[in-house]
C-alpha cells in the first residue's frame, strides 16, 4: 500500500511578468529630459535629434520638447533599402 498520494504534473505553473515594451510617449506629446520615449527589441525605431539610445535599445529624451516620429530610409550593407521610423525631440 502506498504511503504517499500520487502527485500529478501541471503544465501552466510558470508565471512570468509581461515585458511592457512599446511606445511610452506618442508623437505631439511633451517629453522631459531623461524620459523614456519607447522600449524595443532591436532597432525598429531609430534615434534622431535630441534623443539617445540605451544599451537595451530603449530611446530616451536628451532635451525637453515635443516628440516627433517620421519615416527614414536606410540602406543595408547588401544594398537593400528599408524604411524605419525615426524619433526626435524638437
N, C-alpha and C. Protein backbone atom coordinates (compact mmCIF):
# COMPACT_ATOMS: atom_id res chain seq x y z
N UNK A 1 0.83 -1.18 0.00
CA UNK A 1 0.00 0.00 0.00
C UNK A 1 0.88 1.25 0.00
N UNK A 2 0.45 2.26 -0.78
CA UNK A 2 1.27 3.47 -0.92
C UNK A 2 1.18 4.34 0.33
N UNK A 3 2.30 4.95 0.69
CA UNK A 3 2.32 5.84 1.83
C UNK A 3 2.17 7.30 1.42
N UNK A 4 2.35 7.57 0.14
CA UNK A 4 2.21 8.94 -0.37
C UNK A 4 1.16 8.96 -1.45
N UNK A 5 0.43 10.07 -1.53
CA UNK A 5 -0.56 10.21 -2.60
C UNK A 5 0.19 10.52 -3.90
N UNK A 6 -0.29 10.00 -5.01
CA UNK A 6 0.38 10.22 -6.30
C UNK A 6 0.28 11.70 -6.68
N UNK A 7 1.42 12.30 -7.02
CA UNK A 7 1.44 13.72 -7.41
C UNK A 7 1.35 13.85 -8.91
N UNK A 8 0.41 14.64 -9.37
CA UNK A 8 0.26 14.87 -10.80
C UNK A 8 1.16 16.00 -11.27
N UNK A 9 1.25 16.15 -12.56
CA UNK A 9 2.07 17.23 -13.11
C UNK A 9 1.15 18.29 -13.72
N UNK A 10 1.54 19.53 -13.60
CA UNK A 10 0.76 20.61 -14.21
C UNK A 10 1.64 21.36 -15.18
N UNK A 11 1.04 21.83 -16.28
CA UNK A 11 1.82 22.44 -17.35
C UNK A 11 1.80 23.96 -17.33
N UNK A 12 0.93 24.57 -16.53
CA UNK A 12 0.79 26.02 -16.58
C UNK A 12 1.20 26.69 -15.26
N UNK A 13 2.31 26.25 -14.70
CA UNK A 13 2.72 26.79 -13.40
C UNK A 13 3.71 27.95 -13.51
N UNK A 14 4.38 28.11 -14.65
CA UNK A 14 5.37 29.18 -14.75
C UNK A 14 4.66 30.52 -14.90
N UNK A 15 5.00 31.45 -14.04
CA UNK A 15 4.36 32.77 -14.11
C UNK A 15 5.45 33.80 -14.41
N UNK A 16 5.36 34.40 -15.58
CA UNK A 16 6.30 35.44 -15.97
C UNK A 16 5.55 36.75 -16.10
N UNK A 17 6.21 37.82 -15.71
CA UNK A 17 5.57 39.13 -15.85
C UNK A 17 5.71 39.61 -17.29
N UNK A 18 4.77 40.43 -17.79
CA UNK A 18 4.86 40.92 -19.16
C UNK A 18 6.04 41.85 -19.35
N UNK A 19 6.46 42.02 -20.61
CA UNK A 19 7.69 42.77 -20.88
C UNK A 19 7.49 44.27 -20.95
N UNK A 20 6.26 44.74 -21.18
CA UNK A 20 5.94 46.17 -21.22
C UNK A 20 6.81 46.94 -22.23
N UNK A 21 7.01 46.37 -23.43
CA UNK A 21 7.77 47.09 -24.44
C UNK A 21 6.80 47.82 -25.36
N UNK A 22 7.30 48.87 -26.02
CA UNK A 22 6.47 49.63 -26.94
C UNK A 22 6.62 51.13 -26.70
N UNK A 23 5.74 51.89 -27.32
CA UNK A 23 5.78 53.35 -27.26
C UNK A 23 5.24 53.83 -25.92
N UNK A 24 5.99 54.68 -25.23
CA UNK A 24 5.56 55.25 -23.96
C UNK A 24 5.05 56.68 -24.13
N UNK A 25 5.65 57.44 -25.07
CA UNK A 25 5.23 58.82 -25.33
C UNK A 25 4.95 58.93 -26.83
N UNK A 26 3.73 59.31 -27.18
CA UNK A 26 3.32 59.40 -28.58
C UNK A 26 3.80 60.69 -29.20
N UNK A 27 3.66 60.78 -30.53
CA UNK A 27 4.04 61.98 -31.25
C UNK A 27 3.14 63.15 -30.88
N UNK A 28 3.74 64.32 -30.69
CA UNK A 28 2.99 65.51 -30.30
C UNK A 28 2.92 65.72 -28.80
N UNK A 29 3.32 64.74 -28.02
CA UNK A 29 3.31 64.88 -26.56
C UNK A 29 4.64 65.44 -26.08
N UNK A 30 4.62 66.10 -24.92
CA UNK A 30 5.84 66.69 -24.35
C UNK A 30 6.65 65.63 -23.62
N UNK A 31 7.97 65.75 -23.71
CA UNK A 31 8.88 64.86 -23.01
C UNK A 31 9.89 65.69 -22.25
N UNK A 32 10.17 65.29 -21.01
CA UNK A 32 11.20 65.96 -20.22
C UNK A 32 12.53 65.25 -20.44
N UNK A 33 13.61 65.88 -20.01
CA UNK A 33 14.94 65.28 -20.15
C UNK A 33 15.01 63.98 -19.37
N UNK A 34 15.44 62.91 -20.03
CA UNK A 34 15.58 61.61 -19.38
C UNK A 34 14.36 60.73 -19.48
N UNK A 35 13.24 61.24 -19.99
CA UNK A 35 12.04 60.42 -20.14
C UNK A 35 12.26 59.34 -21.20
N UNK A 36 11.80 58.14 -20.91
CA UNK A 36 11.88 57.06 -21.90
C UNK A 36 10.73 57.23 -22.88
N UNK A 37 11.07 57.34 -24.16
CA UNK A 37 10.06 57.54 -25.19
C UNK A 37 9.50 56.20 -25.65
N UNK A 38 10.37 55.20 -25.83
CA UNK A 38 9.90 53.87 -26.18
C UNK A 38 10.94 52.83 -25.82
N UNK A 39 10.46 51.61 -25.60
CA UNK A 39 11.34 50.47 -25.38
C UNK A 39 11.12 49.47 -26.51
N UNK A 40 12.17 48.81 -26.95
CA UNK A 40 12.09 47.95 -28.12
C UNK A 40 13.11 46.84 -28.03
N UNK A 41 12.95 45.84 -28.86
CA UNK A 41 13.93 44.77 -29.02
C UNK A 41 14.58 44.97 -30.38
N UNK A 42 15.83 45.38 -30.40
CA UNK A 42 16.49 45.70 -31.66
C UNK A 42 16.15 47.13 -32.09
N UNK A 43 16.56 47.52 -33.29
CA UNK A 43 16.35 48.89 -33.75
C UNK A 43 15.17 48.98 -34.70
N UNK A 44 13.96 48.80 -34.20
CA UNK A 44 12.77 49.03 -35.01
C UNK A 44 12.58 50.53 -35.23
N UNK A 45 12.91 51.31 -34.21
CA UNK A 45 12.87 52.76 -34.28
C UNK A 45 14.31 53.27 -34.16
N UNK A 46 14.65 54.31 -34.91
CA UNK A 46 15.99 54.88 -34.88
C UNK A 46 15.99 56.18 -34.11
N UNK A 47 17.07 56.51 -33.40
CA UNK A 47 17.14 57.78 -32.69
C UNK A 47 17.43 58.93 -33.65
N UNK A 48 16.82 60.08 -33.39
CA UNK A 48 17.03 61.28 -34.19
C UNK A 48 17.67 62.38 -33.37
N UNK A 49 17.23 63.62 -33.59
CA UNK A 49 17.78 64.78 -32.89
C UNK A 49 17.32 64.80 -31.44
N UNK A 50 18.24 65.13 -30.53
CA UNK A 50 17.98 65.31 -29.10
C UNK A 50 17.43 64.04 -28.44
N UNK A 51 17.81 62.88 -28.97
CA UNK A 51 17.33 61.60 -28.46
C UNK A 51 18.53 60.66 -28.35
N UNK A 52 18.57 59.86 -27.29
CA UNK A 52 19.64 58.89 -27.11
C UNK A 52 19.10 57.48 -27.10
N UNK A 53 20.02 56.50 -27.28
CA UNK A 53 19.63 55.10 -27.25
C UNK A 53 20.42 54.38 -26.17
N UNK A 54 19.71 53.61 -25.34
CA UNK A 54 20.35 52.87 -24.27
C UNK A 54 20.90 51.55 -24.74
N UNK A 55 21.51 50.80 -23.81
CA UNK A 55 22.11 49.51 -24.13
C UNK A 55 21.06 48.49 -24.57
N UNK A 56 19.86 48.60 -24.02
CA UNK A 56 18.78 47.68 -24.38
C UNK A 56 17.90 48.26 -25.48
N UNK A 57 18.43 49.18 -26.27
CA UNK A 57 17.78 49.82 -27.41
C UNK A 57 16.61 50.71 -27.03
N UNK A 58 16.44 51.05 -25.75
CA UNK A 58 15.38 51.97 -25.37
C UNK A 58 15.78 53.38 -25.79
N UNK A 59 14.82 54.16 -26.24
CA UNK A 59 15.07 55.52 -26.72
C UNK A 59 14.56 56.50 -25.68
N UNK A 60 15.41 57.47 -25.32
CA UNK A 60 15.07 58.44 -24.27
C UNK A 60 15.38 59.85 -24.74
N UNK A 61 14.71 60.82 -24.11
CA UNK A 61 14.87 62.23 -24.47
C UNK A 61 16.11 62.80 -23.79
N UNK A 62 16.92 63.53 -24.57
CA UNK A 62 18.09 64.19 -24.01
C UNK A 62 17.84 65.69 -23.81
N UNK A 63 16.67 66.15 -24.24
CA UNK A 63 16.33 67.55 -24.14
C UNK A 63 14.82 67.65 -23.96
N UNK A 64 14.35 68.70 -23.31
CA UNK A 64 12.91 68.88 -23.14
C UNK A 64 12.29 69.39 -24.43
N UNK A 65 11.15 68.84 -24.80
CA UNK A 65 10.50 69.27 -26.03
C UNK A 65 9.34 68.36 -26.41
N UNK A 66 8.94 68.44 -27.68
CA UNK A 66 7.82 67.67 -28.20
C UNK A 66 8.35 66.51 -29.04
N UNK A 67 7.80 65.33 -28.83
CA UNK A 67 8.24 64.12 -29.52
C UNK A 67 7.68 64.12 -30.95
N UNK A 68 8.52 63.71 -31.90
CA UNK A 68 8.13 63.67 -33.31
C UNK A 68 8.61 62.37 -33.92
N UNK A 69 7.73 61.72 -34.69
CA UNK A 69 8.07 60.49 -35.41
C UNK A 69 8.03 60.79 -36.91
N UNK A 70 9.00 60.25 -37.65
CA UNK A 70 8.97 60.37 -39.11
C UNK A 70 9.65 59.17 -39.73
N UNK A 71 9.38 58.95 -41.03
CA UNK A 71 9.98 57.83 -41.74
C UNK A 71 11.39 58.17 -42.19
N UNK A 72 12.27 57.20 -42.12
CA UNK A 72 13.67 57.38 -42.51
C UNK A 72 14.06 56.22 -43.41
N UNK A 73 14.59 56.51 -44.59
CA UNK A 73 15.08 55.46 -45.48
C UNK A 73 16.47 55.06 -45.06
N UNK A 74 16.73 53.76 -45.09
CA UNK A 74 18.02 53.26 -44.66
C UNK A 74 18.47 52.21 -45.66
N UNK A 75 19.75 52.21 -46.01
CA UNK A 75 20.31 51.22 -46.92
C UNK A 75 21.12 50.22 -46.10
N UNK A 76 20.81 48.95 -46.27
CA UNK A 76 21.56 47.91 -45.58
C UNK A 76 22.87 47.66 -46.31
N UNK A 77 23.72 46.80 -45.72
CA UNK A 77 25.03 46.53 -46.30
C UNK A 77 24.95 45.79 -47.63
N UNK A 78 23.84 45.05 -47.85
CA UNK A 78 23.68 44.33 -49.10
C UNK A 78 22.99 45.18 -50.18
N UNK A 79 22.75 46.45 -49.90
CA UNK A 79 22.13 47.36 -50.86
C UNK A 79 20.62 47.43 -50.77
N UNK A 80 20.02 46.60 -49.92
CA UNK A 80 18.57 46.61 -49.76
C UNK A 80 18.13 47.87 -49.02
N UNK A 81 17.09 48.54 -49.53
CA UNK A 81 16.58 49.75 -48.90
C UNK A 81 15.38 49.40 -48.03
N UNK A 82 15.38 49.91 -46.80
CA UNK A 82 14.27 49.68 -45.88
C UNK A 82 13.82 51.01 -45.30
N UNK A 83 12.63 51.04 -44.76
CA UNK A 83 12.09 52.25 -44.12
C UNK A 83 11.91 51.95 -42.64
N UNK A 84 12.47 52.81 -41.81
CA UNK A 84 12.34 52.71 -40.37
C UNK A 84 11.76 54.02 -39.84
N UNK A 85 11.13 53.97 -38.68
CA UNK A 85 10.65 55.19 -38.04
C UNK A 85 11.82 55.81 -37.27
N UNK A 86 11.89 57.15 -37.30
CA UNK A 86 12.93 57.87 -36.58
C UNK A 86 12.24 58.76 -35.53
N UNK A 87 12.76 58.74 -34.32
CA UNK A 87 12.19 59.50 -33.23
C UNK A 87 13.10 60.67 -32.92
N UNK A 88 12.51 61.87 -32.80
CA UNK A 88 13.30 63.03 -32.42
C UNK A 88 12.48 63.92 -31.48
N UNK A 89 13.17 64.80 -30.77
CA UNK A 89 12.52 65.75 -29.86
C UNK A 89 12.84 67.14 -30.35
N UNK A 90 11.81 67.94 -30.56
CA UNK A 90 12.00 69.33 -31.04
C UNK A 90 11.64 70.32 -29.97
